[in-house]
C-alpha atoms as a PDB file:
ATOM      1  CA  MET A   1    -153.082 -98.812 -35.944  1.00  0.00           C
ATOM      2  CA  GLY A   2    -154.448 -97.397 -32.694  1.00  0.00           C
ATOM      3  CA  LYS A   3    -154.253 -99.263 -29.411  1.00  0.00           C
ATOM      4  CA  ASN A   4    -158.039 -99.336 -29.210  1.00  0.00           C
ATOM      5  CA  LYS A   5    -158.277-101.181 -32.538  1.00  0.00           C
ATOM      6  CA  LEU A   6    -155.585-103.645 -31.526  1.00  0.00           C
ATOM      7  CA  ALA A   7    -157.410-104.328 -28.275  1.00  0.00           C
ATOM      8  CA  LYS A   8    -160.614-105.044 -30.179  1.00  0.00           C
ATOM      9  CA  PHE A   9    -158.844-107.418 -32.564  1.00  0.00           C
ATOM     10  CA  ASP A  10    -157.281-109.242 -29.610  1.00  0.00           C
ATOM     11  CA  ASP A  11    -160.675-109.409 -27.914  1.00  0.00           C
ATOM     12  CA  MET A  12    -162.380-110.842 -30.996  1.00  0.00           C
ATOM     13  CA  ALA A  13    -159.658-113.449 -31.367  1.00  0.00           C
ATOM     14  CA  GLU A  14    -161.127-115.042 -28.231  1.00  0.00           C
ATOM     15  CA  TYR A  15    -164.680-115.137 -29.590  1.00  0.00           C
ATOM     16  CA  PRO A  16    -165.561-118.573 -31.000  1.00  0.00           C
ATOM     17  CA  HIS A  17    -168.147-117.071 -33.379  1.00  0.00           C
ATOM     18  CA  VAL A  18    -165.764-114.617 -35.085  1.00  0.00           C
ATOM     19  CA  PHE A  19    -163.666-115.730 -38.051  1.00  0.00           C
ATOM     20  CA  GLN A  20    -160.791-113.530 -39.247  1.00  0.00           C
ATOM     21  CA  TYR A  21    -159.120-114.945 -42.338  1.00  0.00           C
ATOM     22  CA  PRO A  22    -156.301-113.032 -44.069  1.00  0.00           C
ATOM     23  CA  PHE A  23    -156.165-113.775 -47.793  1.00  0.00           C
ATOM     24  CA  ALA A  24    -152.781-115.485 -47.464  1.00  0.00           C
ATOM     25  CA  VAL A  25    -154.210-117.986 -44.967  1.00  0.00           C
ATOM     26  CA  LEU A  26    -157.279-118.498 -47.147  1.00  0.00           C
ATOM     27  CA  GLN A  27    -155.104-119.281 -50.155  1.00  0.00           C
ATOM     28  CA  GLU A  28    -152.936-121.710 -48.234  1.00  0.00           C
ATOM     29  CA  LYS A  29    -155.507-123.587 -46.181  1.00  0.00           C
ATOM     30  CA  GLY A  30    -158.939-122.662 -47.479  1.00  0.00           C
ATOM     31  CA  PHE A  31    -161.872-122.278 -45.078  1.00  0.00           C
ATOM     32  CA  GLU A  32    -162.830-125.428 -43.213  1.00  0.00           C
ATOM     33  CA  LEU A  33    -166.464-124.437 -42.623  1.00  0.00           C
ATOM     34  CA  LYS A  34    -167.260-123.884 -46.314  1.00  0.00           C
ATOM     35  CA  GLY A  35    -170.190-126.177 -47.031  1.00  0.00           C
ATOM     36  CA  HIS A  36    -170.340-127.188 -43.354  1.00  0.00           C
ATOM     37  CA  TRP A  37    -171.753-124.134 -41.561  1.00  0.00           C
ATOM     38  CA  HIS A  38    -174.993-125.931 -40.692  1.00  0.00           C
ATOM     39  CA  LYS A  39    -173.463-129.137 -39.397  1.00  0.00           C
ATOM     40  CA  GLU A  40    -170.195-127.980 -37.854  1.00  0.00           C
ATOM     41  CA  PHE A  41    -170.954-124.492 -36.520  1.00  0.00           C
ATOM     42  CA  PHE A  42    -174.667-123.743 -36.081  1.00  0.00           C
ATOM     43  CA  LYS A  43    -175.555-127.404 -35.399  1.00  0.00           C
ATOM     44  CA  ASN A  44    -178.913-127.048 -37.185  1.00  0.00           C
ATOM     45  CA  ASP A  45    -180.452-126.830 -40.661  1.00  0.00           C
ATOM     46  CA  ASN A  46    -181.944-123.351 -40.236  1.00  0.00           C
ATOM     47  CA  PRO A  47    -181.530-120.900 -43.152  1.00  0.00           C
ATOM     48  CA  ILE A  48    -178.324-118.869 -43.269  1.00  0.00           C
ATOM     49  CA  VAL A  49    -178.652-115.105 -43.762  1.00  0.00           C
ATOM     50  CA  LEU A  50    -175.681-112.847 -44.525  1.00  0.00           C
ATOM     51  CA  GLU A  51    -175.314-109.134 -43.882  1.00  0.00           C
ATOM     52  CA  LEU A  52    -172.608-107.940 -46.260  1.00  0.00           C
ATOM     53  CA  GLY A  53    -170.826-104.814 -45.104  1.00  0.00           C
ATOM     54  CA  CYS A  54    -172.285-105.272 -41.638  1.00  0.00           C
ATOM     55  CA  GLY A  55    -170.391-102.385 -39.989  1.00  0.00           C
ATOM     56  CA  LYS A  56    -171.102-102.481 -36.274  1.00  0.00           C
ATOM     57  CA  GLY A  57    -173.369-105.514 -36.759  1.00  0.00           C
ATOM     58  CA  GLU A  58    -176.638-103.980 -35.522  1.00  0.00           C
ATOM     59  CA  TYR A  59    -178.672-105.655 -38.242  1.00  0.00           C
ATOM     60  CA  THR A  60    -176.959-108.995 -37.857  1.00  0.00           C
ATOM     61  CA  VAL A  61    -177.618-109.091 -34.114  1.00  0.00           C
ATOM     62  CA  GLY A  62    -181.052-107.445 -34.334  1.00  0.00           C
ATOM     63  CA  LEU A  63    -182.314-109.906 -36.927  1.00  0.00           C
ATOM     64  CA  ALA A  64    -180.871-112.835 -34.988  1.00  0.00           C
ATOM     65  CA  ARG A  65    -182.858-111.777 -31.920  1.00  0.00           C
ATOM     66  CA  LEU A  66    -186.050-111.455 -33.972  1.00  0.00           C
ATOM     67  CA  PHE A  67    -185.587-114.772 -35.762  1.00  0.00           C
ATOM     68  CA  PRO A  68    -184.056-117.477 -33.547  1.00  0.00           C
ATOM     69  CA  ASP A  69    -185.039-120.001 -36.240  1.00  0.00           C
ATOM     70  CA  LYS A  70    -182.514-118.513 -38.675  1.00  0.00           C
ATOM     71  CA  ASN A  71    -178.716-118.222 -38.597  1.00  0.00           C
ATOM     72  CA  PHE A  72    -177.093-114.830 -39.237  1.00  0.00           C
ATOM     73  CA  ILE A  73    -173.548-114.004 -40.296  1.00  0.00           C
ATOM     74  CA  GLY A  74    -172.213-110.447 -40.460  1.00  0.00           C
ATOM     75  CA  VAL A  75    -169.464-109.886 -43.017  1.00  0.00           C
ATOM     76  CA  ASP A  76    -167.137-106.871 -43.112  1.00  0.00           C
ATOM     77  CA  ILE A  77    -163.486-106.087 -43.720  1.00  0.00           C
ATOM     78  CA  LYS A  78    -163.446-103.544 -40.858  1.00  0.00           C
ATOM     79  CA  GLY A  79    -162.830-105.597 -37.738  1.00  0.00           C
ATOM     80  CA  ALA A  80    -162.820-102.687 -35.283  1.00  0.00           C
ATOM     81  CA  ARG A  81    -166.429-101.826 -36.173  1.00  0.00           C
ATOM     82  CA  MET A  82    -167.544-105.463 -36.207  1.00  0.00           C
ATOM     83  CA  TRP A  83    -166.363-105.821 -32.616  1.00  0.00           C
ATOM     84  CA  THR A  84    -169.499-104.029 -31.337  1.00  0.00           C
ATOM     85  CA  GLY A  85    -171.936-106.646 -32.645  1.00  0.00           C
ATOM     86  CA  ALA A  86    -169.547-109.504 -31.921  1.00  0.00           C
ATOM     87  CA  LYS A  87    -169.215-108.466 -28.277  1.00  0.00           C
ATOM     88  CA  ASP A  88    -172.972-107.928 -27.883  1.00  0.00           C
ATOM     89  CA  SER A  89    -173.904-111.329 -29.315  1.00  0.00           C
ATOM     90  CA  TYR A  90    -171.136-113.112 -27.385  1.00  0.00           C
ATOM     91  CA  GLU A  91    -172.080-111.604 -24.036  1.00  0.00           C
ATOM     92  CA  SER A  92    -175.763-112.337 -24.750  1.00  0.00           C
ATOM     93  CA  GLY A  93    -174.977-116.001 -25.359  1.00  0.00           C
ATOM     94  CA  MET A  94    -176.541-115.977 -28.834  1.00  0.00           C
ATOM     95  CA  THR A  95    -175.996-119.197 -30.774  1.00  0.00           C
ATOM     96  CA  ASN A  96    -177.424-118.143 -34.148  1.00  0.00           C
ATOM     97  CA  VAL A  97    -174.891-115.382 -34.856  1.00  0.00           C
ATOM     98  CA  ALA A  98    -171.414-115.355 -36.386  1.00  0.00           C
ATOM     99  CA  PHE A  99    -169.103-112.724 -37.827  1.00  0.00           C
ATOM    100  CA  LEU A 100    -166.691-113.089 -40.719  1.00  0.00           C
ATOM    101  CA  ARG A 101    -163.918-110.574 -41.345  1.00  0.00           C
ATOM    102  CA  THR A 102    -163.127-110.641 -45.048  1.00  0.00           C
ATOM    103  CA  SER A 103    -163.620-108.806 -48.321  1.00  0.00           C
ATOM    104  CA  ILE A 104    -167.043-109.306 -49.917  1.00  0.00           C
ATOM    105  CA  GLU A 105    -165.291-110.150 -53.202  1.00  0.00           C
ATOM    106  CA  LEU A 106    -163.986-113.315 -51.495  1.00  0.00           C
ATOM    107  CA  ILE A 107    -167.373-114.496 -50.236  1.00  0.00           C
ATOM    108  CA  SER A 108    -167.460-117.616 -52.426  1.00  0.00           C
ATOM    109  CA  HIS A 109    -164.375-118.882 -50.569  1.00  0.00           C
ATOM    110  CA  PHE A 110    -166.459-119.192 -47.390  1.00  0.00           C
ATOM    111  CA  PHE A 111    -169.790-120.618 -48.622  1.00  0.00           C
ATOM    112  CA  THR A 112    -170.700-123.316 -51.082  1.00  0.00           C
ATOM    113  CA  ALA A 113    -173.455-123.274 -53.707  1.00  0.00           C
ATOM    114  CA  GLY A 114    -176.922-123.014 -52.161  1.00  0.00           C
ATOM    115  CA  GLU A 115    -175.623-122.620 -48.607  1.00  0.00           C
ATOM    116  CA  VAL A 116    -177.054-119.098 -48.144  1.00  0.00           C
ATOM    117  CA  ALA A 117    -180.792-118.268 -48.151  1.00  0.00           C
ATOM    118  CA  GLU A 118    -180.751-114.448 -47.941  1.00  0.00           C
ATOM    119  CA  ILE A 119    -178.382-111.508 -48.265  1.00  0.00           C
ATOM    120  CA  TRP A 120    -178.837-108.104 -46.616  1.00  0.00           C
ATOM    121  CA  LEU A 121    -177.088-104.986 -47.936  1.00  0.00           C
ATOM    122  CA  THR A 122    -177.559-102.223 -45.379  1.00  0.00           C
ATOM    123  CA  PHE A 123    -176.479 -98.732 -46.409  1.00  0.00           C
ATOM    124  CA  PRO A 124    -173.616 -99.690 -48.725  1.00  0.00           C
ATOM    125  CA  ASP A 125    -171.560 -97.010 -50.451  1.00  0.00           C
ATOM    126  CA  PRO A 126    -173.462 -96.356 -53.726  1.00  0.00           C
ATOM    127  CA  GLN A 127    -170.184 -96.091 -55.653  1.00  0.00           C
ATOM    128  CA  MET A 128    -171.747 -93.650 -58.127  1.00  0.00           C
ATOM    129  CA  LYS A 129    -168.665 -93.595 -60.366  1.00  0.00           C
ATOM    130  CA  LYS A 130    -167.545 -97.225 -60.024  1.00  0.00           C
ATOM    131  CA  VAL A 131    -170.235 -99.682 -61.066  1.00  0.00           C
ATOM    132  CA  ASN A 132    -167.966-102.700 -60.517  1.00  0.00           C
ATOM    133  CA  LYS A 133    -167.692-101.802 -56.809  1.00  0.00           C
ATOM    134  CA  ARG A 134    -171.446-101.272 -56.419  1.00  0.00           C
ATOM    135  CA  LEU A 135    -172.840-104.089 -54.260  1.00  0.00           C
ATOM    136  CA  THR A 136    -175.986-104.458 -56.389  1.00  0.00           C
ATOM    137  CA  SER A 137    -174.169-104.439 -59.733  1.00  0.00           C
ATOM    138  CA  THR A 138    -174.388-107.467 -62.017  1.00  0.00           C
ATOM    139  CA  ARG A 139    -170.791-108.265 -61.037  1.00  0.00           C
ATOM    140  CA  PHE A 140    -171.877-108.834 -57.459  1.00  0.00           C
ATOM    141  CA  MET A 141    -175.124-110.556 -58.462  1.00  0.00           C
ATOM    142  CA  LYS A 142    -172.958-113.220 -60.104  1.00  0.00           C
ATOM    143  CA  MET A 143    -170.999-113.624 -56.857  1.00  0.00           C
ATOM    144  CA  TYR A 144    -174.193-113.888 -54.819  1.00  0.00           C
ATOM    145  CA  ARG A 145    -175.631-116.514 -57.168  1.00  0.00           C
ATOM    146  CA  GLU A 146    -172.603-118.716 -56.466  1.00  0.00           C
ATOM    147  CA  ILE A 147    -173.689-119.121 -52.836  1.00  0.00           C
ATOM    148  CA  LEU A 148    -177.453-118.425 -52.801  1.00  0.00           C
ATOM    149  CA  SER A 149    -180.155-121.083 -52.879  1.00  0.00           C
ATOM    150  CA  GLY A 150    -182.382-121.252 -55.963  1.00  0.00           C
ATOM    151  CA  ASP A 151    -184.920-118.823 -54.514  1.00  0.00           C
ATOM    152  CA  GLY A 152    -182.325-116.780 -52.626  1.00  0.00           C
ATOM    153  CA  ILE A 153    -183.384-113.274 -51.626  1.00  0.00           C
ATOM    154  CA  VAL A 154    -181.420-110.010 -51.685  1.00  0.00           C
ATOM    155  CA  HIS A 155    -182.471-107.073 -49.471  1.00  0.00           C
ATOM    156  CA  LEU A 156    -181.197-103.535 -50.015  1.00  0.00           C
ATOM    157  CA  LYS A 157    -181.802-100.766 -47.500  1.00  0.00           C
ATOM    158  CA  THR A 158    -180.285 -97.400 -48.392  1.00  0.00           C
ATOM    159  CA  ASP A 159    -180.445 -93.645 -47.923  1.00  0.00           C
ATOM    160  CA  SER A 160    -179.070 -93.141 -51.447  1.00  0.00           C
ATOM    161  CA  ASN A 161    -181.581 -92.336 -54.175  1.00  0.00           C
ATOM    162  CA  PHE A 162    -178.876 -93.171 -56.710  1.00  0.00           C
ATOM    163  CA  MET A 163    -178.285 -96.630 -55.229  1.00  0.00           C
ATOM    164  CA  TYR A 164    -181.989 -97.377 -54.941  1.00  0.00           C
ATOM    165  CA  THR A 165    -182.790 -96.219 -58.486  1.00  0.00           C
ATOM    166  CA  TYR A 166    -179.842 -98.097 -59.952  1.00  0.00           C
ATOM    167  CA  THR A 167    -180.837-101.287 -58.123  1.00  0.00           C
ATOM    168  CA  CYS A 168    -184.460-101.022 -59.272  1.00  0.00           C
ATOM    169  CA  GLU A 169    -183.255-100.601 -62.869  1.00  0.00           C
ATOM    170  CA  MET A 170    -180.844-103.539 -62.550  1.00  0.00           C
ATOM    171  CA  VAL A 171    -183.644-105.718 -61.172  1.00  0.00           C
ATOM    172  CA  LYS A 172    -185.954-104.636 -63.978  1.00  0.00           C
ATOM    173  CA  ALA A 173    -183.354-105.235 -66.708  1.00  0.00           C
ATOM    174  CA  ASN A 174    -182.754-108.779 -65.468  1.00  0.00           C
ATOM    175  CA  LYS A 175    -186.407-109.525 -64.688  1.00  0.00           C
ATOM    176  CA  TYR A 176    -185.786-110.484 -61.074  1.00  0.00           C
ATOM    177  CA  PRO A 177    -189.026-110.965 -59.113  1.00  0.00           C
ATOM    178  CA  VAL A 178    -189.587-108.017 -56.762  1.00  0.00           C
ATOM    179  CA  LEU A 179    -191.127-108.970 -53.419  1.00  0.00           C
ATOM    180  CA  PHE A 180    -191.284-105.445 -51.993  1.00  0.00           C
ATOM    181  CA  SER A 181    -190.050-101.978 -52.890  1.00  0.00           C
ATOM    182  CA  ASN A 182    -190.551 -98.512 -51.368  1.00  0.00           C
ATOM    183  CA  ASP A 183    -188.661 -95.211 -51.710  1.00  0.00           C
ATOM    184  CA  ASP A 184    -189.799 -93.646 -48.404  1.00  0.00           C
ATOM    185  CA  LEU A 185    -189.982 -96.491 -45.950  1.00  0.00           C
ATOM    186  CA  TYR A 186    -190.645 -94.664 -42.702  1.00  0.00           C
ATOM    187  CA  HIS A 187    -193.513 -92.616 -44.133  1.00  0.00           C
ATOM    188  CA  SER A 188    -195.133 -95.543 -45.931  1.00  0.00           C
ATOM    189  CA  GLY A 189    -196.989 -97.059 -42.981  1.00  0.00           C
ATOM    190  CA  LEU A 190    -195.430-100.391 -43.963  1.00  0.00           C
ATOM    191  CA  VAL A 191    -192.575-100.577 -41.463  1.00  0.00           C
ATOM    192  CA  ASP A 192    -192.446-103.915 -39.676  1.00  0.00           C
ATOM    193  CA  ASP A 193    -190.183-105.353 -37.001  1.00  0.00           C
ATOM    194  CA  ILE A 194    -187.457-106.259 -39.508  1.00  0.00           C
ATOM    195  CA  LEU A 195    -187.305-102.872 -41.184  1.00  0.00           C
ATOM    196  CA  SER A 196    -187.484-100.958 -37.925  1.00  0.00           C
ATOM    197  CA  ILE A 197    -184.037-102.193 -36.864  1.00  0.00           C
ATOM    198  CA  LYS A 198    -181.845 -99.151 -37.321  1.00  0.00           C
ATOM    199  CA  THR A 199    -178.100 -99.130 -37.868  1.00  0.00           C
ATOM    200  CA  TYR A 200    -175.866 -96.430 -36.455  1.00  0.00           C
ATOM    201  CA  TYR A 201    -175.599 -94.718 -39.848  1.00  0.00           C
ATOM    202  CA  GLU A 202    -179.288 -95.128 -40.620  1.00  0.00           C
ATOM    203  CA  GLN A 203    -180.238 -93.146 -37.551  1.00  0.00           C
ATOM    204  CA  GLN A 204    -177.881 -90.398 -38.710  1.00  0.00           C
ATOM    205  CA  TRP A 205    -179.592 -90.229 -42.096  1.00  0.00           C
ATOM    206  CA  LEU A 206    -183.040 -90.161 -40.485  1.00  0.00           C
ATOM    207  CA  ASP A 207    -181.977 -87.394 -38.113  1.00  0.00           C
ATOM    208  CA  ARG A 208    -180.941 -85.353 -41.139  1.00  0.00           C
ATOM    209  CA  GLY A 209    -184.260 -85.847 -42.911  1.00  0.00           C
ATOM    210  CA  LEU A 210    -183.142 -88.316 -45.566  1.00  0.00           C
ATOM    211  CA  ASN A 211    -185.695 -90.845 -46.811  1.00  0.00           C
ATOM    212  CA  ILE A 212    -184.851 -94.509 -46.403  1.00  0.00           C
ATOM    213  CA  LYS A 213    -185.402 -96.756 -49.418  1.00  0.00           C
ATOM    214  CA  TYR A 214    -185.822-100.522 -49.480  1.00  0.00           C
ATOM    215  CA  ILE A 215    -186.132-103.236 -52.110  1.00  0.00           C
ATOM    216  CA  LYS A 216    -186.369-107.001 -51.678  1.00  0.00           C
ATOM    217  CA  PHE A 217    -186.007-109.286 -54.701  1.00  0.00           C
ATOM    218  CA  VAL A 218    -185.268-112.868 -55.702  1.00  0.00           C
ATOM    219  CA  CYS A 219    -181.820-113.257 -57.231  1.00  0.00           C
ATOM    220  CA  GLU A 220    -182.701-115.976 -59.710  1.00  0.00           C
ATOM    221  CA  GLU A 221    -180.255-117.823 -61.920  1.00  0.00           C
ATOM    222  CA  ARG A 222    -179.627-116.088 -65.257  1.00  0.00           C
ATOM    223  CA  ASP A 223    -177.511-117.210 -68.207  1.00  0.00           C
ATOM    224  CA  GLU A 224    -176.476-113.609 -68.779  1.00  0.00           C
ATOM    225  CA  LEU A 225    -176.902-110.451 -66.755  1.00  0.00           C
ATOM    226  CA  ILE A 226    -177.618-107.013 -68.194  1.00  0.00           C
ATOM    227  CA  GLU A 227    -176.286-103.784 -66.743  1.00  0.00           C
ATOM    228  CA  PRO A 228    -179.002-101.081 -66.881  1.00  0.00           C
ATOM    229  CA  ASP A 229    -178.358 -98.430 -69.526  1.00  0.00           C
ATOM    230  CA  VAL A 230    -179.982 -95.424 -67.901  1.00  0.00           C
ATOM    231  CA  GLU A 231    -178.967 -91.969 -66.717  1.00  0.00           C
ATOM    232  CA  ILE A 232    -179.415 -91.630 -62.951  1.00  0.00           C
ATOM    233  CA  GLU A 233    -179.208 -88.359 -61.074  1.00  0.00           C
ATOM    234  CA  LEU A 234    -176.297 -88.330 -58.634  1.00  0.00           C
ATOM    235  CA  ASP A 235    -176.915 -87.887 -54.921  1.00  0.00           C
ATOM    236  CA  PRO A 236    -176.471 -84.254 -53.869  1.00  0.00           C
ATOM    237  CA  TYR A 237    -174.020 -85.257 -51.112  1.00  0.00           C
ATOM    238  CA  ARG A 238    -170.759 -87.164 -51.211  1.00  0.00           C
ATOM    239  CA  SER A 239    -171.129 -90.898 -50.912  1.00  0.00           C
ATOM    240  CA  PHE A 240    -167.644 -92.353 -50.784  1.00  0.00           C
ATOM    241  CA  ASN A 241    -166.894 -91.405 -47.180  1.00  0.00           C
ATOM    242  CA  ARG A 242    -169.480 -91.809 -44.457  1.00  0.00           C
ATOM    243  CA  SER A 243    -168.193 -88.987 -42.259  1.00  0.00           C
ATOM    244  CA  LYS A 244    -168.101 -86.470 -45.115  1.00  0.00           C
ATOM    245  CA  ARG A 245    -171.458 -87.729 -46.306  1.00  0.00           C
ATOM    246  CA  SER A 246    -172.942 -87.128 -42.864  1.00  0.00           C
ATOM    247  CA  ALA A 247    -171.516 -83.627 -42.587  1.00  0.00           C
ATOM    248  CA  LEU A 248    -172.721 -82.517 -45.999  1.00  0.00           C
ATOM    249  CA  ALA A 249    -176.155 -83.967 -45.470  1.00  0.00           C
ATOM    250  CA  SER A 250    -176.497 -81.844 -42.352  1.00  0.00           C
ATOM    251  CA  GLY A 251    -175.295 -78.717 -44.118  1.00  0.00           C
ATOM    252  CA  LYS A 252    -172.052 -78.461 -42.144  1.00  0.00           C
END
């Protein structure tokens, strides 16, 4: 591990709004704020919004600035990237932001049923060959339902036509209420303050002429979930590595 990464981890260890929980510690002690985020950490009853796979945390911090009446938590396993948003929010004295370094598969260890109001998925890997790793698959919908409120909302923002199409089909198959959907957001005339927050990777995709897609739906309780049985055209650029994806999209 590089010295720069180690320095960032050491720096974040001093931030009171950053929680880094190795699985071994989680197994042994559990997470003390589970079910108590409102009372013990945020000190209010405002809705909790998660950004899963938050990367550098631009959305987490950007949304928190736009909505001081909501609490935002960025979740990612990559601590060195998370440091950017953690440092920004800490130095800005923001009290409605937190960061959690963990695997998304472990999310139910950190939140209790109904504790989360909304989930944002911003430019996740579409995992075109591995549906069980796809963050809008029915596997993950079941995880989200464990922590979401009854009318909990899921947002997906993506450059991937595959990911967007798959998610629309999954939503349709399970009859989730769609609140908004668009396959070319920045040419739709519908961009608002929320959607105009751009992540580091999003700006790269826009610079390379890729359309940005967005869908917002209610992840309602279902007795059973149905995986969509449809053929979806694969993205014409590699999706499992952001740097390779960026290079191919630009023709390099």
